[in-house]
Amino acid sequence: MVTIETSKITRIVEKQRNFFQTGQTKDVNFRLEQLNKLKQLITENEQQITKALKADLNKSEFEIYATEIGSIKEINYAIKNIKNWSKPKKADVPLDFFSYSGKIYPEPLGVVLIVSPWNYPFALIITPLVGAIAAGNCAIVKPSELAPHTSSLVAELISKYFKSEYIAIVEGSVETSQELLAQKFDHIFFTGGTAIGKIVMEAAAKQLTPVTLELGGKSPCIVDTDINFEHTARRITWGKFINAGQTCIAPDYLLVNQNIKKDLIAAIQKTLKQFYGDNPAQSPDYGRIISHRHFERLTKFLNNGKIIVGGETNYENKYIAPTILDKVALTDPVMQEEIFGPILPVIEYTDIKDAIALINSQPKPLALYLFTQNQTLQKRVLQETSSGGVCINDTMMHIGVSSLPFGGVGDSGIGSYHGKASFDTFSHYKSVLKNSFWLDLNWRYAPYKDKLGLIKRLIK
């Protein structure tokens, strides 16, 4: 992949700034047309998109539709709501401002940069792009070079459906990303790991550019005794091993009540066979690791603890079997960083306070999962932990609800998106106060003699 030269990147940014200044993107009807065009891009090229994702990550057609092409739901949601979102909203003013009126106007930021990851290389371009378009911005998108088939296809399709002065794809390696980050943008939206997120934020700070960082972390999954075993095992297995575990909100490790640990592991093992058969390497529904570098990083984790299920690997095919690890120490490497692969450590607890204390001793995760029917325990975990989002008695499904903002907290991210939150992320809310000429009281004007008592009463 050839790195695009700096001068070309600069020209693209300048062209987009010039186009934005025409005011065309501020027209809500224009935005609606572009959202419908984006939807058309997906529906007309579904087979090509499927083929590219299969080539990059060995995703099944079902998984591609559910987790990648399914991002079309975000487009539909924005189309349905954009006229309401973009309307100025009346703001209350206090009684002593009786001659004034206040409104809040959402306006686009300008030219934004979207840097997308490799694990869901189509959906995680489309979803933030929906927000950028809906809010009235121009956008430059940097796909991940680690998913080259999808990156190339998206570049081809975007250039076919949109003019580059409005939406442009810039392909390339790390050097290209660095050159992009050296430009002045009005917002940067980054999805990826915490380490790179820090680099993005540092670069943005030099330009005083606001950022949205969708990162990750070690998302814990607490499993209490008061559960439905079959449903719990299926939901955990699905959430952990879809896309071969390469999901930012996958359950990273289990915190299981010791009284049910053995039974839960057995139930997950049974579920794995139901999902992927006796040999997941032969399953058409099980993915592969994105690169040999990531494969090598993950296989080192297999030396931690005791392998209960799985552990098989194939370097050539970048295959790692769905694996469950027992007897894992908190100091083991597998518990020191986000796994981002099909390896599931199991840690037992005897008292929920110990599980909560463990979670709170770590950086705040992007997601937290809790399986229990105990309402009191649900409330306690919600009150005593902090995470980007929470899903109770399921995994990952909260990301599919457009009305729920999705984002991290602390090390797991800054800002949120999906649905209205995407529109908000790419908008500036301009406060406008308007006075009339029918009255002009002199209480605020000099000279101030004998007016101090009045101002005190007004301010109280």
Protein backbone atom coordinates (compact mmCIF):
# COMPACT_ATOMS: atom_id res chain seq x y z
CA MET A 1 0.00 0.00 0.00
CA VAL A 2 1.49 3.33 -1.08
CA THR A 3 1.56 6.13 1.45
CA ILE A 4 -0.19 9.25 0.20
CA GLU A 5 2.13 12.29 0.13
CA THR A 6 1.68 15.13 2.57
CA SER A 7 0.93 17.70 -0.12
CA LYS A 8 -1.98 15.64 -1.41
CA ILE A 9 -3.42 15.31 2.10
CA THR A 10 -3.12 19.05 2.57
CA ARG A 11 -4.94 19.65 -0.71
CA ILE A 12 -7.79 17.33 0.29
CA VAL A 13 -8.23 19.17 3.60
CA GLU A 14 -8.18 22.54 1.83
CA LYS A 15 -10.73 21.39 -0.76
CA GLN A 16 -13.02 20.18 2.01
CA ARG A 17 -12.68 23.46 3.90
CA ASN A 18 -13.59 25.36 0.75
CA PHE A 19 -16.60 23.14 0.14
CA PHE A 20 -17.75 23.46 3.74
CA GLN A 21 -17.58 27.25 3.45
CA THR A 22 -20.17 27.13 0.66
CA GLY A 23 -22.73 26.23 3.33
CA GLN A 24 -24.14 23.35 1.28
CA THR A 25 -23.64 20.76 4.03
CA LYS A 26 -25.71 22.84 6.46
CA ASP A 27 -28.84 22.22 4.41
CA VAL A 28 -30.79 19.42 6.12
CA ASN A 29 -32.17 18.22 2.80
CA PHE A 30 -28.61 17.90 1.49
CA ARG A 31 -27.68 15.81 4.54
CA LEU A 32 -30.70 13.57 3.98
CA GLU A 33 -29.66 13.04 0.37
CA GLN A 34 -26.16 12.04 1.45
CA LEU A 35 -27.43 9.63 4.12
CA ASN A 36 -29.64 7.96 1.54
CA LYS A 37 -26.66 7.80 -0.81
CA LEU A 38 -24.61 6.10 1.93
CA LYS A 39 -27.43 3.62 2.41
CA GLN A 40 -27.49 3.02 -1.33
CA LEU A 41 -23.73 2.38 -1.28
CA ILE A 42 -24.27 -0.46 1.17
CA THR A 43 -27.33 -2.06 -0.40
CA GLU A 44 -25.92 -1.96 -3.93
CA ASN A 45 -22.54 -3.45 -2.97
CA GLU A 46 -23.43 -5.98 -0.30
CA GLN A 47 -21.72 -8.90 -2.06
CA GLN A 48 -18.47 -6.98 -2.55
CA ILE A 49 -18.47 -5.87 1.07
CA THR A 50 -19.06 -9.45 2.22
CA LYS A 51 -16.23 -10.73 0.05
CA ALA A 52 -13.77 -8.14 1.36
CA LEU A 53 -14.58 -8.85 5.01
CA LYS A 54 -14.32 -12.57 4.41
CA ALA A 55 -10.86 -12.06 2.92
CA ASP A 56 -9.65 -9.91 5.81
CA LEU A 57 -11.11 -11.72 8.84
CA ASN A 58 -12.75 -14.93 7.55
CA LYS A 59 -16.11 -13.69 8.82
CA SER A 60 -19.20 -15.73 8.02
CA GLU A 61 -21.88 -14.12 5.88
CA PHE A 62 -24.27 -14.08 8.83
CA GLU A 63 -21.73 -12.39 11.08
CA ILE A 64 -20.91 -9.85 8.37
CA TYR A 65 -24.54 -8.93 7.95
CA ALA A 66 -25.25 -8.80 11.70
CA THR A 67 -22.19 -6.82 12.77
CA GLU A 68 -21.00 -4.91 9.69
CA ILE A 69 -23.73 -4.37 7.11
CA GLY A 70 -26.14 -4.06 10.03
CA SER A 71 -24.70 -0.57 10.53
CA ILE A 72 -27.35 0.46 8.02
CA LYS A 73 -29.65 0.66 11.06
CA GLU A 74 -27.73 3.75 12.16
CA ILE A 75 -28.41 5.37 8.79
CA ASN A 76 -32.13 4.63 9.04
CA TYR A 77 -32.24 6.01 12.58
CA ALA A 78 -30.51 9.23 11.51
CA ILE A 79 -32.77 9.66 8.47
CA LYS A 80 -35.81 9.30 10.69
CA ASN A 81 -34.64 11.81 13.30
CA ILE A 82 -32.34 14.30 11.60
CA LYS A 83 -34.95 17.03 11.05
CA ASN A 84 -35.80 17.05 14.74
CA TRP A 85 -32.15 16.87 15.83
CA SER A 86 -31.15 19.82 13.65
CA LYS A 87 -33.92 22.18 14.78
CA PRO A 88 -32.98 25.02 17.14
CA LYS A 89 -34.30 24.28 20.63
CA LYS A 90 -35.86 26.87 22.87
CA ALA A 91 -34.01 27.49 26.13
CA ASP A 92 -35.59 28.76 29.35
CA VAL A 93 -34.55 32.19 30.56
CA PRO A 94 -35.01 33.49 34.13
CA LEU A 95 -37.82 35.88 35.03
CA ASP A 96 -35.48 38.86 35.35
CA PHE A 97 -34.60 38.28 31.65
CA PHE A 98 -38.28 38.66 30.73
CA SER A 99 -37.56 40.69 27.59
CA TYR A 100 -35.15 38.07 26.24
CA SER A 101 -35.51 34.76 24.41
CA GLY A 102 -32.94 31.98 24.24
CA LYS A 103 -32.32 29.24 21.70
CA ILE A 104 -29.69 26.56 21.15
CA TYR A 105 -28.61 26.01 17.56
CA PRO A 106 -26.81 22.79 16.55
CA GLU A 107 -24.23 23.57 13.89
CA PRO A 108 -21.62 21.41 12.13
CA LEU A 109 -18.02 21.56 13.27
CA GLY A 110 -16.46 21.68 9.80
CA VAL A 111 -13.91 19.17 8.49
CA VAL A 112 -13.53 16.06 10.65
CA LEU A 113 -11.15 13.12 10.62
CA ILE A 114 -12.36 9.56 11.28
CA VAL A 115 -9.66 6.96 11.99
CA SER A 116 -11.14 3.46 11.93
CA PRO A 117 -9.84 0.11 13.23
CA TRP A 118 -9.37 -3.29 11.62
CA ASN A 119 -11.64 -5.52 13.72
CA TYR A 120 -14.93 -4.25 12.28
CA PRO A 121 -13.36 -2.39 9.37
CA PHE A 122 -16.61 -1.56 7.57
CA ALA A 123 -19.09 -0.87 10.38
CA LEU A 124 -16.64 1.28 12.31
CA ILE A 125 -16.23 3.51 9.29
CA ILE A 126 -19.91 3.75 8.49
CA THR A 127 -21.29 4.33 12.00
CA PRO A 128 -19.27 7.46 12.89
CA LEU A 129 -19.57 8.68 9.29
CA VAL A 130 -23.35 8.68 9.70
CA GLY A 131 -22.98 11.11 12.59
CA ALA A 132 -20.58 13.33 10.67
CA ILE A 133 -22.93 13.52 7.68
CA ALA A 134 -26.06 14.01 9.78
CA ALA A 135 -24.45 16.89 11.65
CA GLY A 136 -23.44 18.59 8.39
CA ASN A 137 -19.67 18.08 8.25
CA CYS A 138 -17.14 17.18 5.60
CA ALA A 139 -15.14 14.08 6.49
CA ILE A 140 -11.80 12.44 5.77
CA VAL A 141 -11.66 8.75 6.69
CA LYS A 142 -8.51 6.73 7.36
CA PRO A 143 -9.26 2.98 7.18
CA SER A 144 -6.97 0.44 8.80
CA GLU A 145 -4.22 -0.93 6.60
CA LEU A 146 -4.48 -4.23 8.51
CA ALA A 147 -7.77 -4.94 6.70
CA PRO A 148 -6.52 -4.18 3.17
CA HIS A 149 -9.39 -5.72 1.19
CA THR A 150 -12.01 -3.72 3.08
CA SER A 151 -9.90 -0.56 3.04
CA SER A 152 -9.45 -0.76 -0.73
CA LEU A 153 -13.13 -1.46 -1.36
CA VAL A 154 -14.34 1.37 0.87
CA ALA A 155 -11.96 3.77 -0.86
CA GLU A 156 -13.32 2.68 -4.24
CA LEU A 157 -16.97 2.93 -3.20
CA ILE A 158 -16.75 6.25 -1.37
CA SER A 159 -15.01 7.86 -4.35
CA LYS A 160 -17.76 6.48 -6.59
CA TYR A 161 -20.68 7.77 -4.52
CA PHE A 162 -19.25 10.98 -3.01
CA LYS A 163 -17.04 13.84 -4.17
CA SER A 164 -13.67 14.00 -2.41
CA GLU A 165 -14.25 17.61 -1.36
CA TYR A 166 -17.12 16.26 0.75
CA ILE A 167 -16.05 12.77 1.87
CA ALA A 168 -12.60 11.35 1.14
CA ILE A 169 -10.84 8.11 1.98
CA VAL A 170 -7.11 8.29 2.64
CA GLU A 171 -5.43 4.88 2.64
CA GLY A 172 -1.95 4.22 3.94
CA SER A 173 0.27 3.04 6.75
CA VAL A 174 1.27 4.53 10.09
CA GLU A 175 3.15 7.32 8.29
CA THR A 176 -0.08 8.36 6.55
CA SER A 177 -1.87 8.49 9.90
CA GLN A 178 0.91 10.67 11.29
CA GLU A 179 0.63 13.04 8.32
CA LEU A 180 -3.12 13.26 8.76
CA LEU A 181 -2.78 14.00 12.46
CA ALA A 182 -0.43 16.87 11.65
CA GLN A 183 -3.30 18.62 9.84
CA LYS A 184 -5.78 20.96 11.48
CA PHE A 185 -9.20 19.33 11.82
CA ASP A 186 -12.31 20.49 13.63
CA HIS A 187 -12.76 17.09 15.29
CA ILE A 188 -10.94 13.76 15.34
CA PHE A 189 -12.85 10.54 15.89
CA PHE A 190 -10.57 7.59 16.66
CA THR A 191 -11.41 3.95 17.32
CA GLY A 192 -8.58 1.68 18.45
CA GLY A 193 -6.30 0.81 21.32
CA THR A 194 -5.49 2.95 24.34
CA ALA A 195 -1.79 3.34 23.44
CA ILE A 196 -2.55 4.76 19.98
CA GLY A 197 -5.39 6.79 21.46
CA LYS A 198 -2.82 8.65 23.58
CA ILE A 199 -0.79 9.43 20.44
CA VAL A 200 -3.91 10.74 18.69
CA MET A 201 -4.83 12.92 21.66
CA GLU A 202 -1.29 14.30 21.90
CA ALA A 203 -1.30 15.24 18.22
CA ALA A 204 -4.77 16.78 18.52
CA ALA A 205 -3.70 18.85 21.53
CA LYS A 206 -1.09 20.64 19.40
CA GLN A 207 -3.92 21.94 17.21
CA LEU A 208 -6.46 22.33 20.04
CA THR A 209 -8.62 19.84 18.17
CA PRO A 210 -11.37 18.10 20.18
CA VAL A 211 -11.33 14.30 20.09
CA THR A 212 -13.61 11.35 20.52
CA LEU A 213 -11.61 8.28 21.54
CA GLU A 214 -13.35 4.91 21.35
CA LEU A 215 -10.82 2.65 23.01
CA GLY A 216 -11.23 -0.60 24.94
CA GLY A 217 -9.78 -2.31 27.99
CA LYS A 218 -10.46 -5.41 29.99
CA SER A 219 -14.25 -5.68 30.12
CA PRO A 220 -15.18 -7.94 33.06
CA CYS A 221 -18.07 -10.36 33.12
CA ILE A 222 -19.48 -11.18 36.56
CA VAL A 223 -21.50 -14.38 36.84
CA ASP A 224 -23.60 -14.84 39.99
CA THR A 225 -25.36 -18.02 41.10
CA ASP A 226 -28.89 -16.83 40.35
CA ILE A 227 -28.84 -17.41 36.58
CA ASN A 228 -30.19 -19.52 33.75
CA PHE A 229 -27.12 -21.65 32.92
CA GLU A 230 -27.98 -22.42 29.32
CA HIS A 231 -28.80 -18.82 28.40
CA THR A 232 -25.77 -17.49 30.27
CA ALA A 233 -23.36 -19.90 28.59
CA ARG A 234 -24.73 -19.14 25.13
CA ARG A 235 -24.62 -15.37 25.59
CA ILE A 236 -21.09 -15.36 27.02
CA THR A 237 -19.79 -17.75 24.36
CA TRP A 238 -21.32 -15.70 21.56
CA GLY A 239 -20.04 -12.38 22.91
CA LYS A 240 -16.53 -13.66 23.56
CA PHE A 241 -15.84 -15.66 20.43
CA ILE A 242 -17.66 -13.77 17.67
CA ASN A 243 -15.03 -12.33 15.30
CA ALA A 244 -12.55 -14.65 17.04
CA GLY A 245 -12.70 -12.46 20.13
CA GLN A 246 -11.48 -9.37 18.28
CA THR A 247 -14.13 -7.03 19.66
CA CYS A 248 -13.48 -4.02 21.89
CA ILE A 249 -16.44 -4.88 24.13
CA ALA A 250 -15.97 -8.66 24.20
CA PRO A 251 -16.03 -10.12 27.72
CA ASP A 252 -12.31 -10.03 28.52
CA TYR A 253 -12.41 -12.28 31.58
CA LEU A 254 -14.99 -14.00 33.76
CA LEU A 255 -15.47 -13.38 37.48
CA VAL A 256 -17.49 -16.42 38.52
CA ASN A 257 -18.98 -17.34 41.88
CA GLN A 258 -16.99 -20.35 43.02
CA ASN A 259 -20.16 -22.36 43.70
CA ILE A 260 -21.03 -22.48 39.99
CA LYS A 261 -17.62 -22.19 38.33
CA LYS A 262 -17.32 -25.85 37.38
CA ASP A 263 -20.85 -26.01 36.00
CA LEU A 264 -20.47 -22.79 34.04
CA ILE A 265 -17.23 -23.92 32.39
CA ALA A 266 -18.91 -27.18 31.43
CA ALA A 267 -21.87 -25.28 29.99
CA ILE A 268 -19.59 -23.00 27.95
CA GLN A 269 -17.62 -26.01 26.70
CA LYS A 270 -20.87 -27.65 25.59
CA THR A 271 -21.98 -24.44 23.91
CA LEU A 272 -18.70 -24.12 22.01
CA LYS A 273 -19.32 -27.55 20.47
CA GLN A 274 -22.85 -26.53 19.56
CA PHE A 275 -21.60 -23.33 17.92
CA TYR A 276 -18.44 -24.50 16.16
CA GLY A 277 -18.41 -28.31 16.28
CA ASP A 278 -15.63 -30.58 17.55
CA ASN A 279 -13.06 -28.77 15.41
CA PRO A 280 -13.67 -24.99 15.20
CA ALA A 281 -10.89 -24.75 12.59
CA GLN A 282 -13.30 -26.42 10.17
CA SER A 283 -16.29 -24.29 11.13
CA PRO A 284 -17.52 -21.80 8.51
CA ASP A 285 -18.69 -19.60 11.38
CA TYR A 286 -15.39 -19.08 13.21
CA GLY A 287 -13.05 -16.23 12.28
CA ARG A 288 -9.30 -15.81 12.11
CA ILE A 289 -6.78 -13.47 13.72
CA ILE A 290 -6.13 -10.36 11.67
CA SER A 291 -2.32 -10.68 11.36
CA HIS A 292 0.61 -12.88 12.32
CA ARG A 293 1.84 -10.18 14.69
CA HIS A 294 -1.42 -10.30 16.62
CA PHE A 295 -1.41 -14.10 16.42
CA GLU A 296 2.03 -14.25 18.07
CA ARG A 297 0.97 -11.83 20.81
CA LEU A 298 -2.09 -13.94 21.62
CA THR A 299 -0.36 -17.33 21.59
CA LYS A 300 1.96 -16.14 24.38
CA PHE A 301 -1.11 -15.84 26.61
CA LEU A 302 -1.70 -19.59 26.23
CA ASN A 303 1.24 -20.14 28.57
CA ASN A 304 -0.71 -18.48 31.40
CA GLY A 305 -2.80 -20.56 33.79
CA LYS A 306 -4.24 -23.91 32.76
CA ILE A 307 -5.99 -24.58 29.44
CA ILE A 308 -9.39 -26.15 30.10
CA VAL A 309 -10.78 -25.90 26.58
CA GLY A 310 -9.05 -25.21 23.26
CA GLY A 311 -5.46 -24.04 22.99
CA GLU A 312 -4.89 -25.33 19.45
CA THR A 313 -3.19 -22.94 17.01
CA ASN A 314 -2.17 -22.79 13.36
CA TYR A 315 0.31 -20.07 12.42
CA GLU A 316 -0.20 -20.30 8.67
CA ASN A 317 -3.97 -19.86 8.93
CA LYS A 318 -3.75 -17.42 11.86
CA TYR A 319 -6.07 -19.75 13.76
CA ILE A 320 -6.45 -19.88 17.53
CA ALA A 321 -9.13 -22.18 18.89
CA PRO A 322 -11.72 -20.84 21.33
CA THR A 323 -9.83 -21.22 24.60
CA ILE A 324 -10.76 -21.13 28.28
CA LEU A 325 -8.02 -20.60 30.86
CA ASP A 326 -8.31 -21.56 34.53
CA LYS A 327 -6.00 -20.89 37.48
CA VAL A 328 -4.94 -17.54 36.07
CA ALA A 329 -3.07 -15.13 38.36
CA LEU A 330 -3.82 -11.42 38.26
CA THR A 331 -0.11 -10.85 37.62
CA ASP A 332 -0.09 -13.05 34.50
CA PRO A 333 0.37 -11.18 31.20
CA VAL A 334 -3.10 -12.30 30.06
CA MET A 335 -4.55 -10.22 32.90
CA GLN A 336 -2.31 -7.22 32.35
CA GLU A 337 -3.61 -6.06 28.95
CA GLU A 338 -6.72 -6.29 26.81
CA ILE A 339 -6.76 -9.76 25.24
CA PHE A 340 -8.59 -8.95 21.99
CA GLY A 341 -8.69 -12.56 20.94
CA PRO A 342 -10.44 -15.91 21.57
CA ILE A 343 -8.94 -16.54 25.01
CA LEU A 344 -11.17 -16.39 28.09
CA PRO A 345 -9.59 -16.42 31.58
CA VAL A 346 -11.84 -17.57 34.42
CA ILE A 347 -11.35 -16.17 37.93
CA GLU A 348 -13.49 -17.31 40.83
CA TYR A 349 -14.76 -15.24 43.73
CA THR A 350 -16.46 -16.13 47.00
CA ASP A 351 -17.85 -12.70 47.92
CA ILE A 352 -19.13 -10.15 45.41
CA LYS A 353 -17.25 -7.41 47.23
CA ASP A 354 -13.99 -9.07 46.14
CA ALA A 355 -15.11 -9.13 42.50
CA ILE A 356 -16.11 -5.47 42.67
CA ALA A 357 -12.80 -4.57 44.36
CA LEU A 358 -10.87 -6.34 41.59
CA ILE A 359 -12.75 -4.41 38.88
CA ASN A 360 -12.23 -1.11 40.70
CA SER A 361 -8.50 -1.78 41.04
CA GLN A 362 -8.17 -1.77 37.23
CA PRO A 363 -8.60 1.04 34.67
CA LYS A 364 -12.27 1.70 33.93
CA PRO A 365 -13.47 -0.75 31.24
CA LEU A 366 -15.45 -0.01 28.09
CA ALA A 367 -18.13 -2.51 29.09
CA LEU A 368 -19.18 -4.43 32.17
CA TYR A 369 -21.35 -7.55 32.09
CA LEU A 370 -23.35 -8.97 34.95
CA PHE A 371 -25.37 -12.17 34.95
CA THR A 372 -27.82 -12.41 37.82
CA GLN A 373 -31.53 -12.23 38.46
CA ASN A 374 -30.86 -10.68 41.87
CA GLN A 375 -32.15 -7.11 41.59
CA THR A 376 -30.29 -5.99 44.70
CA LEU A 377 -27.01 -7.26 43.29
CA GLN A 378 -27.71 -5.55 39.98
CA LYS A 379 -28.17 -2.21 41.75
CA ARG A 380 -25.06 -2.74 43.87
CA VAL A 381 -22.79 -3.47 40.90
CA LEU A 382 -24.19 -0.48 39.00
CA GLN A 383 -23.60 1.81 41.97
CA GLU A 384 -20.16 0.54 42.99
CA THR A 385 -18.45 0.23 39.60
CA SER A 386 -17.73 2.58 36.69
CA SER A 387 -17.60 1.56 33.03
CA GLY A 388 -18.44 2.91 29.60
CA GLY A 389 -21.60 0.83 29.47
CA VAL A 390 -23.28 -2.08 31.20
CA CYS A 391 -25.22 -5.03 29.85
CA ILE A 392 -27.11 -7.17 32.36
CA ASN A 393 -27.81 -10.84 31.58
CA ASP A 394 -26.32 -10.54 28.11
CA THR A 395 -23.14 -9.48 26.31
CA MET A 396 -22.47 -6.90 23.60
CA MET A 397 -26.12 -6.33 22.65
CA HIS A 398 -26.17 -2.81 24.08
CA ILE A 399 -24.06 -1.64 21.14
CA GLY A 400 -26.96 -2.36 18.80
CA VAL A 401 -29.42 0.05 20.42
CA SER A 402 -29.16 3.42 18.65
CA SER A 403 -30.89 5.30 21.48
CA LEU A 404 -28.12 4.28 23.92
CA PRO A 405 -24.93 6.39 23.66
CA PHE A 406 -21.87 4.16 23.26
CA GLY A 407 -18.48 5.21 24.60
CA GLY A 408 -15.85 4.73 27.26
CA VAL A 409 -14.74 6.42 30.44
CA GLY A 410 -11.21 6.98 31.73
CA ASP A 411 -8.74 4.74 29.90
CA SER A 412 -11.54 3.18 27.83
CA GLY A 413 -12.37 6.35 25.97
CA ILE A 414 -13.60 9.92 25.72
CA GLY A 415 -16.98 10.84 24.31
CA SER A 416 -19.73 8.70 22.82
CA TYR A 417 -21.70 8.06 19.65
CA HIS A 418 -24.58 6.07 18.09
CA GLY A 419 -27.91 7.64 17.24
CA LYS A 420 -28.40 11.14 18.63
CA ALA A 421 -25.05 10.87 20.44
CA SER A 422 -23.31 10.66 17.02
CA PHE A 423 -25.08 13.85 15.90
CA ASP A 424 -24.08 15.54 19.16
CA THR A 425 -20.44 14.42 18.84
CA PHE A 426 -20.05 16.09 15.46
CA SER A 427 -22.05 19.22 16.34
CA HIS A 428 -21.42 22.43 18.21
CA TYR A 429 -24.41 23.65 20.20
CA LYS A 430 -24.43 27.42 19.78
CA SER A 431 -26.27 29.38 22.45
CA VAL A 432 -28.14 32.42 21.15
CA LEU A 433 -29.74 35.04 23.38
CA LYS A 434 -31.98 37.67 21.76
CA ASN A 435 -33.26 40.87 23.33
CA SER A 436 -35.99 43.20 22.07
CA PHE A 437 -36.12 46.98 21.74
CA TRP A 438 -39.47 47.53 23.43
CA LEU A 439 -37.93 48.07 26.88
CA ASP A 440 -34.51 49.04 28.23
CA LEU A 441 -34.25 49.22 32.03
CA ASN A 442 -31.28 51.19 33.32
CA TRP A 443 -30.45 49.07 36.41
CA ARG A 444 -27.26 47.69 34.84
CA TYR A 445 -25.90 50.95 33.48
CA ALA A 446 -23.57 53.42 35.17
CA PRO A 447 -23.72 55.47 37.30
CA TYR A 448 -24.24 52.75 39.91
CA LYS A 449 -25.13 54.99 42.87
CA ASP A 450 -28.05 53.55 44.87
CA LYS A 451 -28.23 50.44 42.61
CA LEU A 452 -26.23 47.96 44.70
CA GLY A 453 -29.25 46.86 46.73
CA LEU A 454 -31.25 46.23 43.57
CA ILE A 455 -28.55 44.07 41.94
CA LYS A 456 -28.22 42.03 45.12
CA ARG A 457 -31.94 41.35 45.15
CA LEU A 458 -31.94 40.39 41.47
CA ILE A 459 -29.00 38.00 41.81
CA LYS A 460 -30.42 36.29 44.90
